[in-house]
Amino acid sequence: MAELRVSPEAEAELDDIWLYLARESGSIDVANRVIDKITERLWLLARYPYLGQARDEDLRPGLRTFPVDGYVIVHRLDDNDVVLVLHVVPPGRNIGTLIG
């Protein structure tokens, strides 16, 4: 299994997602369930780092994306077998503007 690292940007995005969901749904449980599901997928990527779609052509060489219920995990595998999660993009947000 590869090492998993989450960038500060992705950590902040996860916090923002949790806060948005808790406010909009009025339920901490709803927010926790979504974040738990995303977190489970992060560990799945650590186990199978080539899951998801290669985005060499449209985003940047080496980047991959992996969907989770409308959210998109943007990650890459570095030379030291580390899966680096760069972003967790909410539904409707343009990935290209984050990568630019």
N, C-alpha and C. Protein backbone atom coordinates (compact mmCIF):
# COMPACT_ATOMS: atom_id res chain seq x y z
N MET A 1 0.85 -1.18 0.00
CA MET A 1 0.00 0.00 0.00
C MET A 1 0.89 1.24 0.00
N ALA A 2 0.50 2.21 -0.82
CA ALA A 2 1.24 3.47 -0.89
C ALA A 2 0.93 4.32 0.33
N GLU A 3 1.84 5.22 0.63
CA GLU A 3 1.59 6.19 1.69
C GLU A 3 0.57 7.20 1.18
N LEU A 4 -0.28 7.69 2.06
CA LEU A 4 -1.30 8.67 1.69
C LEU A 4 -0.99 9.99 2.37
N ARG A 5 -0.96 11.05 1.56
CA ARG A 5 -0.79 12.41 2.10
C ARG A 5 -1.88 13.29 1.52
N VAL A 6 -2.43 14.12 2.36
CA VAL A 6 -3.48 15.05 1.95
C VAL A 6 -2.93 16.46 2.05
N SER A 7 -3.00 17.18 0.95
CA SER A 7 -2.46 18.54 0.93
C SER A 7 -3.27 19.45 1.86
N PRO A 8 -2.66 20.54 2.30
CA PRO A 8 -3.40 21.50 3.12
C PRO A 8 -4.65 22.03 2.41
N GLU A 9 -4.57 22.20 1.09
CA GLU A 9 -5.73 22.67 0.32
C GLU A 9 -6.87 21.65 0.38
N ALA A 10 -6.52 20.37 0.21
CA ALA A 10 -7.55 19.33 0.26
C ALA A 10 -8.14 19.21 1.66
N GLU A 11 -7.31 19.36 2.69
CA GLU A 11 -7.83 19.34 4.07
C GLU A 11 -8.81 20.48 4.29
N ALA A 12 -8.48 21.66 3.80
CA ALA A 12 -9.37 22.82 3.93
C ALA A 12 -10.66 22.58 3.15
N GLU A 13 -10.56 21.98 1.98
CA GLU A 13 -11.75 21.68 1.18
C GLU A 13 -12.65 20.69 1.89
N LEU A 14 -12.07 19.68 2.53
CA LEU A 14 -12.86 18.72 3.30
C LEU A 14 -13.57 19.42 4.46
N ASP A 15 -12.88 20.32 5.12
CA ASP A 15 -13.51 21.09 6.20
C ASP A 15 -14.67 21.93 5.67
N ASP A 16 -14.46 22.57 4.52
CA ASP A 16 -15.51 23.39 3.92
C ASP A 16 -16.72 22.55 3.51
N ILE A 17 -16.45 21.37 2.96
CA ILE A 17 -17.53 20.46 2.57
C ILE A 17 -18.34 20.06 3.80
N TRP A 18 -17.64 19.70 4.87
CA TRP A 18 -18.33 19.29 6.09
C TRP A 18 -19.20 20.43 6.62
N LEU A 19 -18.64 21.62 6.69
CA LEU A 19 -19.37 22.77 7.21
C LEU A 19 -20.59 23.09 6.36
N TYR A 20 -20.41 23.09 5.06
CA TYR A 20 -21.53 23.36 4.14
C TYR A 20 -22.65 22.33 4.34
N LEU A 21 -22.29 21.05 4.36
CA LEU A 21 -23.29 20.01 4.50
C LEU A 21 -24.00 20.07 5.85
N ALA A 22 -23.25 20.33 6.91
CA ALA A 22 -23.85 20.44 8.24
C ALA A 22 -24.85 21.59 8.30
N ARG A 23 -24.48 22.72 7.70
CA ARG A 23 -25.37 23.89 7.70
C ARG A 23 -26.61 23.65 6.83
N GLU A 24 -26.37 23.18 5.61
CA GLU A 24 -27.47 23.03 4.66
C GLU A 24 -28.45 21.93 5.06
N SER A 25 -27.94 20.84 5.60
CA SER A 25 -28.81 19.72 5.98
C SER A 25 -29.34 19.88 7.40
N GLY A 26 -28.66 20.68 8.21
CA GLY A 26 -29.02 20.80 9.60
C GLY A 26 -28.64 19.58 10.42
N SER A 27 -27.73 18.77 9.83
CA SER A 27 -27.38 17.50 10.49
C SER A 27 -25.88 17.26 10.45
N ILE A 28 -25.29 17.13 11.62
CA ILE A 28 -23.88 16.77 11.71
C ILE A 28 -23.67 15.35 11.19
N ASP A 29 -24.65 14.48 11.41
CA ASP A 29 -24.55 13.10 10.94
C ASP A 29 -24.43 13.02 9.42
N VAL A 30 -25.20 13.84 8.72
CA VAL A 30 -25.12 13.86 7.25
C VAL A 30 -23.72 14.28 6.82
N ALA A 31 -23.22 15.35 7.40
CA ALA A 31 -21.88 15.84 7.06
C ALA A 31 -20.83 14.78 7.37
N ASN A 32 -20.94 14.14 8.52
CA ASN A 32 -19.97 13.09 8.89
C ASN A 32 -20.01 11.92 7.92
N ARG A 33 -21.20 11.51 7.51
CA ARG A 33 -21.31 10.37 6.57
C ARG A 33 -20.62 10.67 5.25
N VAL A 34 -20.82 11.86 4.72
CA VAL A 34 -20.19 12.22 3.44
C VAL A 34 -18.67 12.25 3.59
N ILE A 35 -18.18 12.89 4.62
CA ILE A 35 -16.73 12.97 4.83
C ILE A 35 -16.16 11.58 5.08
N ASP A 36 -16.87 10.74 5.82
CA ASP A 36 -16.41 9.36 6.03
C ASP A 36 -16.31 8.60 4.72
N LYS A 37 -17.29 8.79 3.83
CA LYS A 37 -17.26 8.09 2.54
C LYS A 37 -16.07 8.58 1.70
N ILE A 38 -15.84 9.88 1.69
CA ILE A 38 -14.69 10.42 0.95
C ILE A 38 -13.40 9.88 1.55
N THR A 39 -13.30 9.85 2.86
CA THR A 39 -12.10 9.35 3.54
C THR A 39 -11.86 7.87 3.21
N GLU A 40 -12.92 7.08 3.17
CA GLU A 40 -12.77 5.67 2.78
C GLU A 40 -12.18 5.55 1.39
N ARG A 41 -12.61 6.42 0.48
CA ARG A 41 -12.08 6.39 -0.89
C ARG A 41 -10.63 6.84 -0.93
N LEU A 42 -10.24 7.75 -0.04
CA LEU A 42 -8.83 8.15 0.01
C LEU A 42 -7.96 6.95 0.36
N TRP A 43 -8.40 6.15 1.34
CA TRP A 43 -7.63 4.96 1.72
C TRP A 43 -7.65 3.91 0.62
N LEU A 44 -8.74 3.85 -0.14
CA LEU A 44 -8.79 2.94 -1.29
C LEU A 44 -7.74 3.36 -2.32
N LEU A 45 -7.59 4.66 -2.52
CA LEU A 45 -6.56 5.16 -3.45
C LEU A 45 -5.16 4.83 -2.96
N ALA A 46 -4.96 4.85 -1.67
CA ALA A 46 -3.65 4.47 -1.13
C ALA A 46 -3.35 3.01 -1.45
N ARG A 47 -4.38 2.20 -1.43
CA ARG A 47 -4.20 0.77 -1.72
C ARG A 47 -4.06 0.52 -3.23
N TYR A 48 -4.84 1.27 -4.02
CA TYR A 48 -4.84 1.11 -5.48
C TYR A 48 -4.66 2.48 -6.13
N PRO A 49 -3.44 2.99 -6.17
CA PRO A 49 -3.21 4.38 -6.58
C PRO A 49 -3.54 4.71 -8.03
N TYR A 50 -3.74 3.70 -8.86
CA TYR A 50 -4.05 3.97 -10.26
C TYR A 50 -5.54 3.91 -10.56
N LEU A 51 -6.36 3.88 -9.51
CA LEU A 51 -7.80 3.97 -9.72
C LEU A 51 -8.13 5.36 -10.25
N GLY A 52 -9.25 5.45 -10.88
CA GLY A 52 -9.68 6.75 -11.39
C GLY A 52 -9.17 7.00 -12.79
N GLN A 53 -9.39 8.19 -13.23
CA GLN A 53 -9.09 8.57 -14.60
C GLN A 53 -7.80 9.37 -14.68
N ALA A 54 -6.92 8.97 -15.59
CA ALA A 54 -5.71 9.76 -15.85
C ALA A 54 -6.13 11.06 -16.53
N ARG A 55 -5.58 12.16 -16.08
CA ARG A 55 -5.95 13.48 -16.62
C ARG A 55 -4.74 14.20 -17.21
N ASP A 56 -3.83 13.42 -17.80
CA ASP A 56 -2.61 13.96 -18.39
C ASP A 56 -2.90 14.99 -19.48
N GLU A 57 -3.91 14.73 -20.26
CA GLU A 57 -4.17 15.57 -21.44
C GLU A 57 -4.91 16.87 -21.10
N ASP A 58 -5.88 16.79 -20.22
CA ASP A 58 -6.73 17.97 -20.01
C ASP A 58 -6.40 18.77 -18.75
N LEU A 59 -5.70 18.18 -17.80
CA LEU A 59 -5.34 18.94 -16.59
C LEU A 59 -3.84 19.15 -16.50
N ARG A 60 -3.14 18.08 -16.16
CA ARG A 60 -1.68 18.17 -16.01
C ARG A 60 -1.13 16.74 -16.00
N PRO A 61 0.03 16.51 -16.61
CA PRO A 61 0.61 15.16 -16.60
C PRO A 61 0.76 14.63 -15.16
N GLY A 62 0.34 13.39 -14.98
CA GLY A 62 0.47 12.73 -13.70
C GLY A 62 -0.75 12.84 -12.79
N LEU A 63 -1.67 13.73 -13.14
CA LEU A 63 -2.86 13.89 -12.30
C LEU A 63 -3.91 12.84 -12.64
N ARG A 64 -4.64 12.43 -11.61
CA ARG A 64 -5.75 11.49 -11.76
C ARG A 64 -6.94 12.04 -10.99
N THR A 65 -8.13 11.66 -11.41
CA THR A 65 -9.33 12.03 -10.67
C THR A 65 -10.12 10.77 -10.35
N PHE A 66 -10.80 10.82 -9.21
CA PHE A 66 -11.58 9.69 -8.73
C PHE A 66 -12.87 10.23 -8.12
N PRO A 67 -14.04 9.80 -8.65
CA PRO A 67 -15.31 10.35 -8.17
C PRO A 67 -15.81 9.67 -6.89
N VAL A 68 -16.50 10.47 -6.08
CA VAL A 68 -17.17 9.97 -4.88
C VAL A 68 -18.49 10.73 -4.74
N ASP A 69 -19.57 10.13 -5.16
CA ASP A 69 -20.90 10.74 -5.01
C ASP A 69 -20.96 12.20 -5.44
N GLY A 70 -20.46 12.50 -6.61
CA GLY A 70 -20.49 13.86 -7.13
C GLY A 70 -19.26 14.69 -6.80
N TYR A 71 -18.54 14.32 -5.77
CA TYR A 71 -17.27 14.97 -5.44
C TYR A 71 -16.18 14.33 -6.28
N VAL A 72 -15.09 15.05 -6.48
CA VAL A 72 -13.99 14.51 -7.27
C VAL A 72 -12.69 14.69 -6.48
N ILE A 73 -12.00 13.57 -6.28
CA ILE A 73 -10.69 13.59 -5.64
C ILE A 73 -9.65 13.77 -6.73
N VAL A 74 -8.82 14.78 -6.62
CA VAL A 74 -7.72 15.02 -7.56
C VAL A 74 -6.44 14.60 -6.84
N HIS A 75 -5.71 13.66 -7.46
CA HIS A 75 -4.52 13.12 -6.80
C HIS A 75 -3.45 12.77 -7.81
N ARG A 76 -2.27 12.48 -7.28
CA ARG A 76 -1.17 12.00 -8.11
C ARG A 76 -0.32 11.05 -7.27
N LEU A 77 0.43 10.21 -7.95
CA LEU A 77 1.36 9.30 -7.30
C LEU A 77 2.75 9.83 -7.56
N ASP A 78 3.51 10.10 -6.50
CA ASP A 78 4.85 10.63 -6.71
C ASP A 78 5.87 9.50 -6.84
N ASP A 79 7.12 9.86 -7.05
CA ASP A 79 8.18 8.89 -7.29
C ASP A 79 8.47 7.99 -6.09
N ASN A 80 8.04 8.39 -4.91
CA ASN A 80 8.31 7.63 -3.69
C ASN A 80 7.12 6.79 -3.25
N ASP A 81 6.22 6.47 -4.17
CA ASP A 81 5.02 5.69 -3.86
C ASP A 81 4.13 6.37 -2.82
N VAL A 82 3.98 7.67 -2.96
CA VAL A 82 3.10 8.44 -2.09
C VAL A 82 1.93 8.93 -2.94
N VAL A 83 0.71 8.62 -2.49
CA VAL A 83 -0.47 9.18 -3.12
C VAL A 83 -0.71 10.53 -2.46
N LEU A 84 -0.62 11.58 -3.26
CA LEU A 84 -0.83 12.93 -2.76
C LEU A 84 -2.19 13.41 -3.24
N VAL A 85 -3.08 13.64 -2.30
CA VAL A 85 -4.40 14.18 -2.61
C VAL A 85 -4.26 15.70 -2.66
N LEU A 86 -4.49 16.24 -3.84
CA LEU A 86 -4.31 17.68 -4.04
C LEU A 86 -5.57 18.47 -3.75
N HIS A 87 -6.73 17.92 -4.16
CA HIS A 87 -8.00 18.62 -3.99
C HIS A 87 -9.13 17.62 -3.81
N VAL A 88 -10.18 18.08 -3.14
CA VAL A 88 -11.46 17.38 -3.12
C VAL A 88 -12.47 18.40 -3.61
N VAL A 89 -12.96 18.17 -4.82
CA VAL A 89 -13.77 19.16 -5.52
C VAL A 89 -15.26 18.85 -5.35
N PRO A 90 -16.04 19.82 -4.87
CA PRO A 90 -17.48 19.59 -4.73
C PRO A 90 -18.19 19.55 -6.08
N PRO A 91 -19.39 18.99 -6.11
CA PRO A 91 -20.16 18.94 -7.37
C PRO A 91 -20.35 20.34 -7.96
N GLY A 92 -20.23 20.43 -9.26
CA GLY A 92 -20.47 21.69 -9.95
C GLY A 92 -19.28 22.63 -10.01
N ARG A 93 -18.21 22.32 -9.30
CA ARG A 93 -17.03 23.19 -9.32
C ARG A 93 -16.11 22.76 -10.46
N ASN A 94 -15.52 23.70 -11.14
CA ASN A 94 -14.63 23.43 -12.26
C ASN A 94 -13.24 23.05 -11.75
N ILE A 95 -12.84 21.83 -12.03
CA ILE A 95 -11.52 21.33 -11.58
C ILE A 95 -10.40 22.15 -12.20
N GLY A 96 -10.55 22.51 -13.44
CA GLY A 96 -9.51 23.27 -14.15
C GLY A 96 -9.14 24.57 -13.47
N THR A 97 -10.08 25.22 -12.82
CA THR A 97 -9.77 26.49 -12.15
C THR A 97 -8.90 26.27 -10.91
N LEU A 98 -8.99 25.09 -10.30
CA LEU A 98 -8.16 24.80 -9.13
C LEU A 98 -6.74 24.44 -9.54
N ILE A 99 -6.62 23.77 -10.66
CA ILE A 99 -5.31 23.27 -11.11
C ILE A 99 -4.53 24.35 -11.81
N GLY A 100 -5.22 25.16 -12.65
CA GLY A 100 -4.67 26.24 -13.45
C GLY A 100 -3.33 26.60 -13.16
